[in-house]
C-alpha cells in the first residue's frame, strides 16, 4: 500500500510509524525545552503568554499536552529566548 505523508510517499506502514515516533520525540523535547527556558527566565506561563501575544492556556498546551505552535510562533519563541530553532525543537543541545 502506498501512502503520502508530509509530501513524502511511503510504501511500508512501518515507515509511517517511524515518522509518528520521531514527531513524538521532537514534540516531547520541545515541551521540555520550552518549560526549561521559561523557568530559567523566572516567567510564569501567563507572563510568557503575554510577551508572545498568546493565552496562558496556549502556553500550557505547548508545555503539557504536546501541542506545537505554528512556524512563525516558533520563530518568535526562539527569538525571545535567544536560541536557535534546532535547540528549541531539541535537535541540538547548543
PDB file of N, CA and C in Angstrom:
ATOM      1  N   UNK A   1       0.837  -1.171   0.000  1.00  0.00           N
ATOM      2  CA  UNK A   1       0.000   0.000   0.000  1.00  0.00           C
ATOM      3  C   UNK A   1       0.892   1.248   0.000  1.00  0.00           C
ATOM      4  N   UNK A   2       0.557   2.224  -0.816  1.00  0.00           N
ATOM      5  CA  UNK A   2       1.331   3.453  -0.923  1.00  0.00           C
ATOM      6  C   UNK A   2       0.604   4.551  -0.163  1.00  0.00           C
ATOM      7  N   UNK A   3       1.331   5.256   0.704  1.00  0.00           N
ATOM      8  CA  UNK A   3       0.771   6.360   1.483  1.00  0.00           C
ATOM      9  C   UNK A   3       1.586   7.611   1.218  1.00  0.00           C
ATOM     10  N   UNK A   4       0.932   8.743   1.282  1.00  0.00           N
ATOM     11  CA  UNK A   4       1.637  10.010   1.140  1.00  0.00           C
ATOM     12  C   UNK A   4       1.464  10.780   2.451  1.00  0.00           C
ATOM     13  N   UNK A   5       2.585  11.090   3.096  1.00  0.00           N
ATOM     14  CA  UNK A   5       2.591  11.809   4.373  1.00  0.00           C
ATOM     15  C   UNK A   5       3.592  12.939   4.257  1.00  0.00           C
ATOM     16  N   UNK A   6       3.139  14.153   4.586  1.00  0.00           N
ATOM     17  CA  UNK A   6       4.034  15.318   4.526  1.00  0.00           C
ATOM     18  C   UNK A   6       4.786  15.381   3.200  1.00  0.00           C
ATOM     19  N   UNK A   7       4.063  15.152   2.103  1.00  0.00           N
ATOM     20  CA  UNK A   7       4.612  15.215   0.756  1.00  0.00           C
ATOM     21  C   UNK A   7       5.664  14.141   0.470  1.00  0.00           C
ATOM     22  N   UNK A   8       5.735  13.110   1.309  1.00  0.00           N
ATOM     23  CA  UNK A   8       6.642  12.001   1.050  1.00  0.00           C
ATOM     24  C   UNK A   8       5.806  10.745   0.855  1.00  0.00           C
ATOM     25  N   UNK A   9       6.223   9.903  -0.061  1.00  0.00           N
ATOM     26  CA  UNK A   9       5.485   8.680  -0.341  1.00  0.00           C
ATOM     27  C   UNK A   9       6.105   7.535   0.454  1.00  0.00           C
ATOM     28  N   UNK A  10       5.248   6.796   1.154  1.00  0.00           N
ATOM     29  CA  UNK A  10       5.694   5.660   1.950  1.00  0.00           C
ATOM     30  C   UNK A  10       5.006   4.401   1.443  1.00  0.00           C
ATOM     31  N   UNK A  11       5.781   3.353   1.271  1.00  0.00           N
ATOM     32  CA  UNK A  11       5.221   2.096   0.797  1.00  0.00           C
ATOM     33  C   UNK A  11       5.108   1.074   1.922  1.00  0.00           C
ATOM     34  N   UNK A  12       5.569   1.405   3.085  1.00  0.00           N
ATOM     35  CA  UNK A  12       5.580   0.480   4.203  1.00  0.00           C
ATOM     36  C   UNK A  12       4.959   1.175   5.408  1.00  0.00           C
ATOM     37  N   UNK A  13       4.028   0.519   6.061  1.00  0.00           N
ATOM     38  CA  UNK A  13       3.385   1.121   7.234  1.00  0.00           C
ATOM     39  C   UNK A  13       4.364   1.345   8.376  1.00  0.00           C
ATOM     40  N   UNK A  14       5.451   0.586   8.434  1.00  0.00           N
ATOM     41  CA  UNK A  14       6.441   0.791   9.486  1.00  0.00           C
ATOM     42  C   UNK A  14       7.117   2.156   9.332  1.00  0.00           C
ATOM     43  N   UNK A  15       7.255   2.632   8.098  1.00  0.00           N
ATOM     44  CA  UNK A  15       7.833   3.955   7.872  1.00  0.00           C
ATOM     45  C   UNK A  15       6.908   5.026   8.445  1.00  0.00           C
ATOM     46  N   UNK A  16       5.606   4.850   8.282  1.00  0.00           N
ATOM     47  CA  UNK A  16       4.635   5.788   8.837  1.00  0.00           C
ATOM     48  C   UNK A  16       4.744   5.793  10.356  1.00  0.00           C
ATOM     49  N   UNK A  17       4.899   4.629  10.947  1.00  0.00           N
ATOM     50  CA  UNK A  17       5.062   4.520  12.389  1.00  0.00           C
ATOM     51  C   UNK A  17       6.342   5.212  12.841  1.00  0.00           C
ATOM     52  N   UNK A  18       7.421   5.064  12.074  1.00  0.00           N
ATOM     53  CA  UNK A  18       8.684   5.721  12.401  1.00  0.00           C
ATOM     54  C   UNK A  18       8.541   7.233  12.393  1.00  0.00           C
ATOM     55  N   UNK A  19       7.783   7.763  11.434  1.00  0.00           N
ATOM     56  CA  UNK A  19       7.557   9.208  11.348  1.00  0.00           C
ATOM     57  C   UNK A  19       6.796   9.681  12.589  1.00  0.00           C
ATOM     58  N   UNK A  20       5.740   8.963  12.967  1.00  0.00           N
ATOM     59  CA  UNK A  20       4.960   9.343  14.147  1.00  0.00           C
ATOM     60  C   UNK A  20       5.837   9.306  15.399  1.00  0.00           C
ATOM     61  N   UNK A  21       6.659   8.288  15.526  1.00  0.00           N
ATOM     62  CA  UNK A  21       7.530   8.164  16.690  1.00  0.00           C
ATOM     63  C   UNK A  21       8.543   9.307  16.713  1.00  0.00           C
ATOM     64  N   UNK A  22       9.123   9.652  15.585  1.00  0.00           N
ATOM     65  CA  UNK A  22      10.077  10.757  15.510  1.00  0.00           C
ATOM     66  C   UNK A  22       9.397  12.064  15.898  1.00  0.00           C
ATOM     67  N   UNK A  23       8.208  12.312  15.358  1.00  0.00           N
ATOM     68  CA  UNK A  23       7.487  13.536  15.676  1.00  0.00           C
ATOM     69  C   UNK A  23       7.165  13.615  17.155  1.00  0.00           C
ATOM     70  N   UNK A  24       6.855  12.488  17.776  1.00  0.00           N
ATOM     71  CA  UNK A  24       6.552  12.457  19.202  1.00  0.00           C
ATOM     72  C   UNK A  24       7.781  12.813  20.029  1.00  0.00           C
ATOM     73  N   UNK A  25       8.944  12.299  19.649  1.00  0.00           N
ATOM     74  CA  UNK A  25      10.187  12.599  20.359  1.00  0.00           C
ATOM     75  C   UNK A  25      10.521  14.083  20.247  1.00  0.00           C
ATOM     76  N   UNK A  26      10.428  14.622  19.034  1.00  0.00           N
ATOM     77  CA  UNK A  26      10.702  16.048  18.825  1.00  0.00           C
ATOM     78  C   UNK A  26       9.725  16.881  19.635  1.00  0.00           C
ATOM     79  N   UNK A  27       8.456  16.498  19.610  1.00  0.00           N
ATOM     80  CA  UNK A  27       7.433  17.222  20.326  1.00  0.00           C
ATOM     81  C   UNK A  27       7.711  17.225  21.825  1.00  0.00           C
ATOM     82  N   UNK A  28       8.084  16.075  22.383  1.00  0.00           N
ATOM     83  CA  UNK A  28       8.398  15.993  23.812  1.00  0.00           C
ATOM     84  C   UNK A  28       9.597  16.857  24.156  1.00  0.00           C
ATOM     85  N   UNK A  29      10.579  16.896  23.288  1.00  0.00           N
ATOM     86  CA  UNK A  29      11.744  17.741  23.532  1.00  0.00           C
ATOM     87  C   UNK A  29      11.352  19.209  23.511  1.00  0.00           C
ATOM     88  N   UNK A  30      10.473  19.586  22.577  1.00  0.00           N
ATOM     89  CA  UNK A  30      10.007  20.964  22.528  1.00  0.00           C
ATOM     90  C   UNK A  30       9.313  21.333  23.839  1.00  0.00           C
ATOM     91  N   UNK A  31       8.431  20.469  24.319  1.00  0.00           N
ATOM     92  CA  UNK A  31       7.714  20.732  25.576  1.00  0.00           C
ATOM     93  C   UNK A  31       8.696  20.961  26.717  1.00  0.00           C
ATOM     94  N   UNK A  32       9.670  20.087  26.829  1.00  0.00           N
ATOM     95  CA  UNK A  32      10.668  20.196  27.894  1.00  0.00           C
ATOM     96  C   UNK A  32      11.505  21.456  27.745  1.00  0.00           C
ATOM     97  N   UNK A  33      11.969  21.730  26.539  1.00  0.00           N
ATOM     98  CA  UNK A  33      12.820  22.905  26.315  1.00  0.00           C
ATOM     99  C   UNK A  33      12.066  24.188  26.628  1.00  0.00           C
ATOM    100  N   UNK A  34      10.829  24.279  26.171  1.00  0.00           N
ATOM    101  CA  UNK A  34      10.056  25.490  26.403  1.00  0.00           C
ATOM    102  C   UNK A  34       9.895  25.741  27.902  1.00  0.00           C
ATOM    103  N   UNK A  35       9.548  24.714  28.626  1.00  0.00           N
ATOM    104  CA  UNK A  35       9.373  24.874  30.073  1.00  0.00           C
ATOM    105  C   UNK A  35      10.691  25.249  30.745  1.00  0.00           C
ATOM    106  N   UNK A  36      11.775  24.590  30.368  1.00  0.00           N
ATOM    107  CA  UNK A  36      13.089  24.910  30.937  1.00  0.00           C
ATOM    108  C   UNK A  36      13.479  26.358  30.659  1.00  0.00           C
ATOM    109  N   UNK A  37      13.269  26.799  29.435  1.00  0.00           N
ATOM    110  CA  UNK A  37      13.613  28.171  29.072  1.00  0.00           C
ATOM    111  C   UNK A  37      12.751  29.169  29.840  1.00  0.00           C
ATOM    112  N   UNK A  38      11.459  28.887  29.933  1.00  0.00           N
ATOM    113  CA  UNK A  38      10.552  29.770  30.663  1.00  0.00           C
ATOM    114  C   UNK A  38      10.968  29.888  32.122  1.00  0.00           C
ATOM    115  N   UNK A  39      11.247  28.760  32.746  1.00  0.00           N
ATOM    116  CA  UNK A  39      11.634  28.762  34.158  1.00  0.00           C
ATOM    117  C   UNK A  39      12.991  29.422  34.374  1.00  0.00           C
ATOM    118  N   UNK A  40      13.900  29.270  33.403  1.00  0.00           N
ATOM    119  CA  UNK A  40      15.226  29.892  33.533  1.00  0.00           C
ATOM    120  C   UNK A  40      15.129  31.420  33.536  1.00  0.00           C
ATOM    121  N   UNK A  41      14.057  31.931  32.951  1.00  0.00           N
ATOM    122  CA  UNK A  41      13.823  33.383  32.929  1.00  0.00           C
ATOM    123  C   UNK A  41      12.868  33.807  34.051  1.00  0.00           C
ATOM    124  N   UNK A  42      12.531  32.856  34.920  1.00  0.00           N
ATOM    125  CA  UNK A  42      11.605  33.112  36.036  1.00  0.00           C
ATOM    126  C   UNK A  42      10.275  33.696  35.576  1.00  0.00           C
ATOM    127  N   UNK A  43       9.748  33.118  34.508  1.00  0.00           N
ATOM    128  CA  UNK A  43       8.468  33.567  33.965  1.00  0.00           C
ATOM    129  C   UNK A  43       7.383  32.540  34.278  1.00  0.00           C
ATOM    130  N   UNK A  44       6.198  33.033  34.565  1.00  0.00           N
ATOM    131  CA  UNK A  44       5.045  32.142  34.658  1.00  0.00           C
ATOM    132  C   UNK A  44       4.537  31.886  33.246  1.00  0.00           C
ATOM    133  N   UNK A  45       3.663  30.913  33.121  1.00  0.00           N
ATOM    134  CA  UNK A  45       3.054  30.662  31.810  1.00  0.00           C
ATOM    135  C   UNK A  45       2.298  31.893  31.341  1.00  0.00           C
ATOM    136  N   UNK A  46       1.621  32.564  32.268  1.00  0.00           N
ATOM    137  CA  UNK A  46       0.856  33.757  31.907  1.00  0.00           C
ATOM    138  C   UNK A  46       1.778  34.878  31.422  1.00  0.00           C
ATOM    139  N   UNK A  47       2.895  35.069  32.104  1.00  0.00           N
ATOM    140  CA  UNK A  47       3.834  36.124  31.699  1.00  0.00           C
ATOM    141  C   UNK A  47       4.410  35.852  30.307  1.00  0.00           C
ATOM    142  N   UNK A  48       4.774  34.596  30.050  1.00  0.00           N
ATOM    143  CA  UNK A  48       5.290  34.249  28.724  1.00  0.00           C
ATOM    144  C   UNK A  48       4.209  34.444  27.670  1.00  0.00           C
ATOM    145  N   UNK A  49       3.007  34.028  27.993  1.00  0.00           N
ATOM    146  CA  UNK A  49       1.897  34.180  27.056  1.00  0.00           C
ATOM    147  C   UNK A  49       1.695  35.645  26.681  1.00  0.00           C
ATOM    148  N   UNK A  50       1.742  36.523  27.647  1.00  0.00           N
ATOM    149  CA  UNK A  50       1.563  37.952  27.385  1.00  0.00           C
ATOM    150  C   UNK A  50       2.670  38.456  26.466  1.00  0.00           C
ATOM    151  N   UNK A  51       3.905  38.055  26.746  1.00  0.00           N
ATOM    152  CA  UNK A  51       5.039  38.509  25.937  1.00  0.00           C
ATOM    153  C   UNK A  51       4.948  38.017  24.496  1.00  0.00           C
ATOM    154  N   UNK A  52       4.313  36.861  24.302  1.00  0.00           N
ATOM    155  CA  UNK A  52       4.181  36.289  22.958  1.00  0.00           C
ATOM    156  C   UNK A  52       2.844  36.629  22.303  1.00  0.00           C
ATOM    157  N   UNK A  53       1.975  37.316  23.039  1.00  0.00           N
ATOM    158  CA  UNK A  53       0.662  37.649  22.494  1.00  0.00           C
ATOM    159  C   UNK A  53      -0.260  36.452  22.382  1.00  0.00           C
ATOM    160  N   UNK A  54      -0.105  35.513  23.306  1.00  0.00           N
ATOM    161  CA  UNK A  54      -0.918  34.299  23.313  1.00  0.00           C
ATOM    162  C   UNK A  54      -1.643  34.193  24.649  1.00  0.00           C
ATOM    163  N   UNK A  55      -2.482  33.192  24.805  1.00  0.00           N
ATOM    164  CA  UNK A  55      -3.166  32.973  26.075  1.00  0.00           C
ATOM    165  C   UNK A  55      -2.328  32.053  26.968  1.00  0.00           C
ATOM    166  N   UNK A  56      -2.579  32.104  28.266  1.00  0.00           N
ATOM    167  CA  UNK A  56      -1.882  31.217  29.186  1.00  0.00           C
ATOM    168  C   UNK A  56      -2.215  29.765  28.867  1.00  0.00           C
ATOM    169  N   UNK A  57      -3.442  29.527  28.482  1.00  0.00           N
ATOM    170  CA  UNK A  57      -3.857  28.169  28.126  1.00  0.00           C
ATOM    171  C   UNK A  57      -3.045  27.635  26.956  1.00  0.00           C
ATOM    172  N   UNK A  58      -2.746  28.495  26.016  1.00  0.00           N
ATOM    173  CA  UNK A  58      -1.940  28.086  24.857  1.00  0.00           C
ATOM    174  C   UNK A  58      -0.550  27.647  25.300  1.00  0.00           C
ATOM    175  N   UNK A  59       0.085  28.430  26.167  1.00  0.00           N
ATOM    176  CA  UNK A  59       1.417  28.058  26.666  1.00  0.00           C
ATOM    177  C   UNK A  59       1.328  26.752  27.445  1.00  0.00           C
ATOM    178  N   UNK A  60       0.287  26.599  28.247  1.00  0.00           N
ATOM    179  CA  UNK A  60       0.071  25.351  28.983  1.00  0.00           C
ATOM    180  C   UNK A  60      -0.010  24.172  28.013  1.00  0.00           C
ATOM    181  N   UNK A  61      -0.776  24.327  26.948  1.00  0.00           N
ATOM    182  CA  UNK A  61      -0.923  23.258  25.957  1.00  0.00           C
ATOM    183  C   UNK A  61       0.411  22.908  25.321  1.00  0.00           C
ATOM    184  N   UNK A  62       1.226  23.918  25.034  1.00  0.00           N
ATOM    185  CA  UNK A  62       2.549  23.655  24.459  1.00  0.00           C
ATOM    186  C   UNK A  62       3.405  22.852  25.420  1.00  0.00           C
ATOM    187  N   UNK A  63       3.383  23.220  26.688  1.00  0.00           N
ATOM    188  CA  UNK A  63       4.256  22.571  27.674  1.00  0.00           C
ATOM    189  C   UNK A  63       3.756  21.221  28.143  1.00  0.00           C
ATOM    190  N   UNK A  64       2.478  21.024  28.225  1.00  0.00           N
ATOM    191  CA  UNK A  64       1.934  19.827  28.858  1.00  0.00           C
ATOM    192  C   UNK A  64       1.299  18.822  27.920  1.00  0.00           C
ATOM    193  N   UNK A  65       0.620  19.299  26.914  1.00  0.00           N
ATOM    194  CA  UNK A  65      -0.173  18.392  26.084  1.00  0.00           C
ATOM    195  C   UNK A  65       0.428  18.122  24.721  1.00  0.00           C
ATOM    196  N   UNK A  66       1.630  18.646  24.489  1.00  0.00           N
ATOM    197  CA  UNK A  66       2.317  18.334  23.250  1.00  0.00           C
ATOM    198  C   UNK A  66       1.841  19.078  22.027  1.00  0.00           C
ATOM    199  N   UNK A  67       1.026  20.100  22.214  1.00  0.00           N
ATOM    200  CA  UNK A  67       0.645  20.914  21.056  1.00  0.00           C
ATOM    201  C   UNK A  67       1.840  21.756  20.659  1.00  0.00           C
ATOM    202  N   UNK A  68       1.980  21.969  19.375  1.00  0.00           N
ATOM    203  CA  UNK A  68       3.090  22.779  18.885  1.00  0.00           C
ATOM    204  C   UNK A  68       2.566  24.054  18.263  1.00  0.00           C
ATOM    205  N   UNK A  69       3.286  25.142  18.484  1.00  0.00           N
ATOM    206  CA  UNK A  69       2.882  26.390  17.846  1.00  0.00           C
ATOM    207  C   UNK A  69       3.170  26.354  16.352  1.00  0.00           C
ATOM    208  N   UNK A  70       2.578  27.294  15.629  1.00  0.00           N
ATOM    209  CA  UNK A  70       2.864  27.388  14.201  1.00  0.00           C
ATOM    210  C   UNK A  70       4.301  27.874  14.001  1.00  0.00           C
ATOM    211  N   UNK A  71       4.751  27.815  12.771  1.00  0.00           N
ATOM    212  CA  UNK A  71       6.148  28.130  12.452  1.00  0.00           C
ATOM    213  C   UNK A  71       6.536  29.543  12.874  1.00  0.00           C
ATOM    214  N   UNK A  72       5.694  30.526  12.584  1.00  0.00           N
ATOM    215  CA  UNK A  72       6.014  31.907  12.948  1.00  0.00           C
ATOM    216  C   UNK A  72       6.141  32.072  14.458  1.00  0.00           C
ATOM    217  N   UNK A  73       5.292  31.389  15.201  1.00  0.00           N
ATOM    218  CA  UNK A  73       5.360  31.472  16.664  1.00  0.00           C
ATOM    219  C   UNK A  73       6.606  30.774  17.186  1.00  0.00           C
ATOM    220  N   UNK A  74       6.993  29.658  16.557  1.00  0.00           N
ATOM    221  CA  UNK A  74       8.246  29.004  16.945  1.00  0.00           C
ATOM    222  C   UNK A  74       9.421  29.972  16.799  1.00  0.00           C
ATOM    223  N   UNK A  75       9.426  30.719  15.704  1.00  0.00           N
ATOM    224  CA  UNK A  75      10.488  31.705  15.488  1.00  0.00           C
ATOM    225  C   UNK A  75      10.438  32.775  16.569  1.00  0.00           C
ATOM    226  N   UNK A  76       9.230  33.247  16.902  1.00  0.00           N
ATOM    227  CA  UNK A  76       9.085  34.259  17.956  1.00  0.00           C
ATOM    228  C   UNK A  76       9.606  33.739  19.296  1.00  0.00           C
ATOM    229  N   UNK A  77       9.315  32.493  19.619  1.00  0.00           N
ATOM    230  CA  UNK A  77       9.775  31.903  20.878  1.00  0.00           C
ATOM    231  C   UNK A  77      11.296  31.799  20.880  1.00  0.00           C
ATOM    232  N   UNK A  78      11.860  31.297  19.791  1.00  0.00           N
ATOM    233  CA  UNK A  78      13.321  31.176  19.693  1.00  0.00           C
ATOM    234  C   UNK A  78      13.984  32.546  19.820  1.00  0.00           C
ATOM    235  N   UNK A  79      13.435  33.540  19.158  1.00  0.00           N
ATOM    236  CA  UNK A  79      13.977  34.903  19.247  1.00  0.00           C
ATOM    237  C   UNK A  79      13.869  35.442  20.671  1.00  0.00           C
ATOM    238  N   UNK A  80      12.729  35.220  21.293  1.00  0.00           N
ATOM    239  CA  UNK A  80      12.516  35.721  22.644  1.00  0.00           C
ATOM    240  C   UNK A  80      13.568  35.166  23.614  1.00  0.00           C
ATOM    241  N   UNK A  81      13.836  33.877  23.504  1.00  0.00           N
ATOM    242  CA  UNK A  81      14.791  33.238  24.406  1.00  0.00           C
ATOM    243  C   UNK A  81      16.219  33.259  23.868  1.00  0.00           C
ATOM    244  N   UNK A  82      16.382  33.833  22.672  1.00  0.00           N
ATOM    245  CA  UNK A  82      17.704  33.934  22.050  1.00  0.00           C
ATOM    246  C   UNK A  82      18.359  32.559  21.854  1.00  0.00           C
ATOM    247  N   UNK A  83      17.574  31.637  21.311  1.00  0.00           N
ATOM    248  CA  UNK A  83      18.057  30.293  21.000  1.00  0.00           C
ATOM    249  C   UNK A  83      17.709  29.989  19.542  1.00  0.00           C
ATOM    250  N   UNK A  84      18.323  28.945  19.007  1.00  0.00           N
ATOM    251  CA  UNK A  84      18.011  28.529  17.646  1.00  0.00           C
ATOM    252  C   UNK A  84      16.754  27.666  17.636  1.00  0.00           C
ATOM    253  N   UNK A  85      16.143  27.556  16.466  1.00  0.00           N
ATOM    254  CA  UNK A  85      15.007  26.642  16.330  1.00  0.00           C
ATOM    255  C   UNK A  85      15.437  25.207  16.596  1.00  0.00           C
ATOM    256  N   UNK A  86      16.634  24.845  16.158  1.00  0.00           N
ATOM    257  CA  UNK A  86      17.142  23.491  16.415  1.00  0.00           C
ATOM    258  C   UNK A  86      17.207  23.214  17.913  1.00  0.00           C
ATOM    259  N   UNK A  87      17.689  24.172  18.671  1.00  0.00           N
ATOM    260  CA  UNK A  87      17.747  23.980  20.118  1.00  0.00           C
ATOM    261  C   UNK A  87      16.334  23.866  20.694  1.00  0.00           C
ATOM    262  N   UNK A  88      15.469  24.793  20.312  1.00  0.00           N
ATOM    263  CA  UNK A  88      14.108  24.810  20.833  1.00  0.00           C
ATOM    264  C   UNK A  88      13.374  23.502  20.554  1.00  0.00           C
ATOM    265  N   UNK A  89      13.604  22.939  19.375  1.00  0.00           N
ATOM    266  CA  UNK A  89      12.937  21.699  18.996  1.00  0.00           C
ATOM    267  C   UNK A  89      13.661  20.458  19.486  1.00  0.00           C
ATOM    268  N   UNK A  90      14.799  20.639  20.133  1.00  0.00           N
ATOM    269  CA  UNK A  90      15.531  19.501  20.685  1.00  0.00           C
ATOM    270  C   UNK A  90      16.448  18.803  19.712  1.00  0.00           C
ATOM    271  N   UNK A  91      16.723  19.427  18.578  1.00  0.00           N
ATOM    272  CA  UNK A  91      17.615  18.805  17.595  1.00  0.00           C
ATOM    273  C   UNK A  91      19.086  18.960  17.964  1.00  0.00           C
ATOM    274  N   UNK A  92      19.405  19.982  18.745  1.00  0.00           N
ATOM    275  CA  UNK A  92      20.776  20.192  19.237  1.00  0.00           C
ATOM    276  C   UNK A  92      20.726  20.589  20.692  1.00  0.00           C
ATOM    277  N   UNK A  93      21.870  20.504  21.341  1.00  0.00           N
ATOM    278  CA  UNK A  93      21.949  20.907  22.745  1.00  0.00           C
ATOM    279  C   UNK A  93      22.681  22.226  22.913  1.00  0.00           C
ATOM    280  N   UNK A  94      22.974  22.909  21.808  1.00  0.00           N
ATOM    281  CA  UNK A  94      23.648  24.208  21.892  1.00  0.00           C
ATOM    282  C   UNK A  94      22.829  25.288  21.214  1.00  0.00           C
TER     283      UNK A  94
END
